Amino acid sequence: MKGSRLELRDVVFGGVVTVDTAAGPKRVLKFSAAGVTIRDLTMAVPVGPQIQHIDGAPGSTSTLRGDRITMYVESLTGTLSGAEGIRLPPVLRLRLTPDTVPE
């Protein structure tokens, strides 16, 4: 899943967890959020032996809502622009993986 802007509302980091995949166990980052918005969404999902591509219209915003949205990701890369309701200058670029999570 990729997008030009990702906004996670009321996000909780669940730590590094191991999930079972068709290729075997994989360590991933677990996040849950009250809401997720993704601008310019592109996504590839395995469906049997094929890959299904799901793309939003260019310039569109896709919204995920529900009680809690849980995401398991191999890596999260982007520029942090705010935390705890505090806007930050977009200068902090980060890449989080199961092996690079700060303590």
Protein backbone atom coordinates (compact mmCIF):
# COMPACT_ATOMS: atom_id res chain seq x y z
CA MET A 1 0.00 0.00 0.00
CA LYS A 2 1.37 3.41 -0.96
CA GLY A 3 0.09 6.94 -0.96
CA SER A 4 1.36 10.50 -1.16
CA ARG A 5 -0.08 11.26 2.30
CA LEU A 6 -1.10 8.97 5.16
CA GLU A 7 -2.97 10.24 8.20
CA LEU A 8 -3.55 7.97 11.18
CA ARG A 9 -5.99 9.26 13.82
CA ASP A 10 -5.71 8.09 17.42
CA VAL A 11 -2.93 5.68 16.47
CA VAL A 12 -1.55 3.06 18.86
CA PHE A 13 1.69 1.22 18.13
CA GLY A 14 1.26 -2.46 19.03
CA GLY A 15 4.94 -3.34 18.76
CA VAL A 16 6.77 -5.87 16.64
CA VAL A 17 4.76 -9.07 16.15
CA THR A 18 5.16 -12.24 14.10
CA VAL A 19 2.42 -13.15 11.64
CA ASP A 20 2.01 -16.32 9.61
CA THR A 21 2.15 -15.81 5.85
CA ALA A 22 2.05 -18.18 2.89
CA ALA A 23 5.86 -17.83 2.74
CA GLY A 24 6.23 -18.56 6.46
CA PRO A 25 6.40 -16.43 9.63
CA LYS A 26 7.27 -12.75 9.16
CA ARG A 27 8.11 -10.05 11.72
CA VAL A 28 6.02 -6.91 11.17
CA LEU A 29 4.97 -3.68 12.88
CA LYS A 30 1.45 -3.60 14.32
CA PHE A 31 -0.56 -0.38 14.40
CA SER A 32 -4.19 0.30 15.17
CA ALA A 33 -6.05 3.56 14.53
CA ALA A 34 -9.51 5.05 14.87
CA GLY A 35 -9.32 6.29 11.28
CA VAL A 36 -7.00 6.22 8.30
CA THR A 37 -6.94 8.51 5.28
CA ILE A 38 -4.67 7.89 2.31
CA ARG A 39 -4.18 10.31 -0.57
CA ASP A 40 -3.39 8.82 -4.00
CA LEU A 41 -3.84 5.22 -2.78
CA THR A 42 -2.17 2.40 -4.69
CA MET A 43 -2.32 -1.12 -3.32
CA ALA A 44 -1.40 -4.62 -4.46
CA VAL A 45 -3.12 -7.60 -2.83
CA PRO A 46 -2.29 -11.27 -3.46
CA VAL A 47 -5.38 -13.19 -4.62
CA GLY A 48 -4.38 -16.80 -5.11
CA PRO A 49 -1.50 -16.97 -7.57
CA GLN A 50 -2.19 -13.46 -8.93
CA ILE A 51 -1.76 -9.91 -7.66
CA GLN A 52 -4.87 -7.70 -7.63
CA HIS A 53 -4.16 -3.96 -7.98
CA ILE A 54 -6.47 -1.47 -6.29
CA ASP A 55 -5.86 2.18 -7.07
CA GLY A 56 -7.72 5.32 -6.07
CA ALA A 57 -8.27 8.03 -8.65
CA PRO A 58 -5.32 10.44 -8.94
CA GLY A 59 -5.73 13.21 -6.36
CA SER A 60 -8.42 11.29 -4.45
CA THR A 61 -8.49 10.52 -0.73
CA SER A 62 -9.45 7.05 0.49
CA THR A 63 -10.83 6.67 4.02
CA LEU A 64 -10.86 3.62 6.28
CA ARG A 65 -13.24 3.76 9.23
CA GLY A 66 -14.48 1.37 11.86
CA ASP A 67 -14.19 0.61 15.53
CA ARG A 68 -10.39 0.17 15.19
CA ILE A 69 -8.41 -0.42 12.01
CA THR A 70 -5.46 -2.76 12.54
CA MET A 71 -2.53 -2.72 10.14
CA TYR A 72 0.44 -5.05 9.96
CA VAL A 73 3.26 -3.52 7.92
CA GLU A 74 6.76 -4.60 6.94
CA SER A 75 7.94 -0.99 6.88
CA LEU A 76 6.58 2.51 7.28
CA THR A 77 8.39 5.32 5.48
CA GLY A 78 7.49 8.97 5.43
CA THR A 79 7.91 12.47 6.80
CA LEU A 80 6.45 13.06 10.24
CA SER A 81 4.32 16.24 10.19
CA GLY A 82 2.61 15.98 13.57
CA ALA A 83 2.25 13.95 16.75
CA GLU A 84 -0.07 14.14 19.75
CA GLY A 85 -1.98 16.95 18.02
CA ILE A 86 1.17 19.05 17.63
CA ARG A 87 2.04 20.15 14.09
CA LEU A 88 5.69 19.70 13.21
CA PRO A 89 7.73 21.15 10.37
CA PRO A 90 7.98 18.40 7.72
CA VAL A 91 11.70 17.82 8.13
CA LEU A 92 11.79 14.57 10.08
CA ARG A 93 11.98 11.75 7.51
CA LEU A 94 11.76 8.28 8.99
CA ARG A 95 11.68 4.66 8.04
CA LEU A 96 10.49 2.14 10.58
CA THR A 97 10.96 -1.62 10.23
CA PRO A 98 10.82 -4.41 12.83
CA ASP A 99 14.62 -4.09 13.13
CA THR A 100 14.79 -0.27 13.37
CA VAL A 101 12.06 0.61 15.88
CA PRO A 102 13.42 3.04 18.49
CA GLU A 103 13.11 2.00 22.13
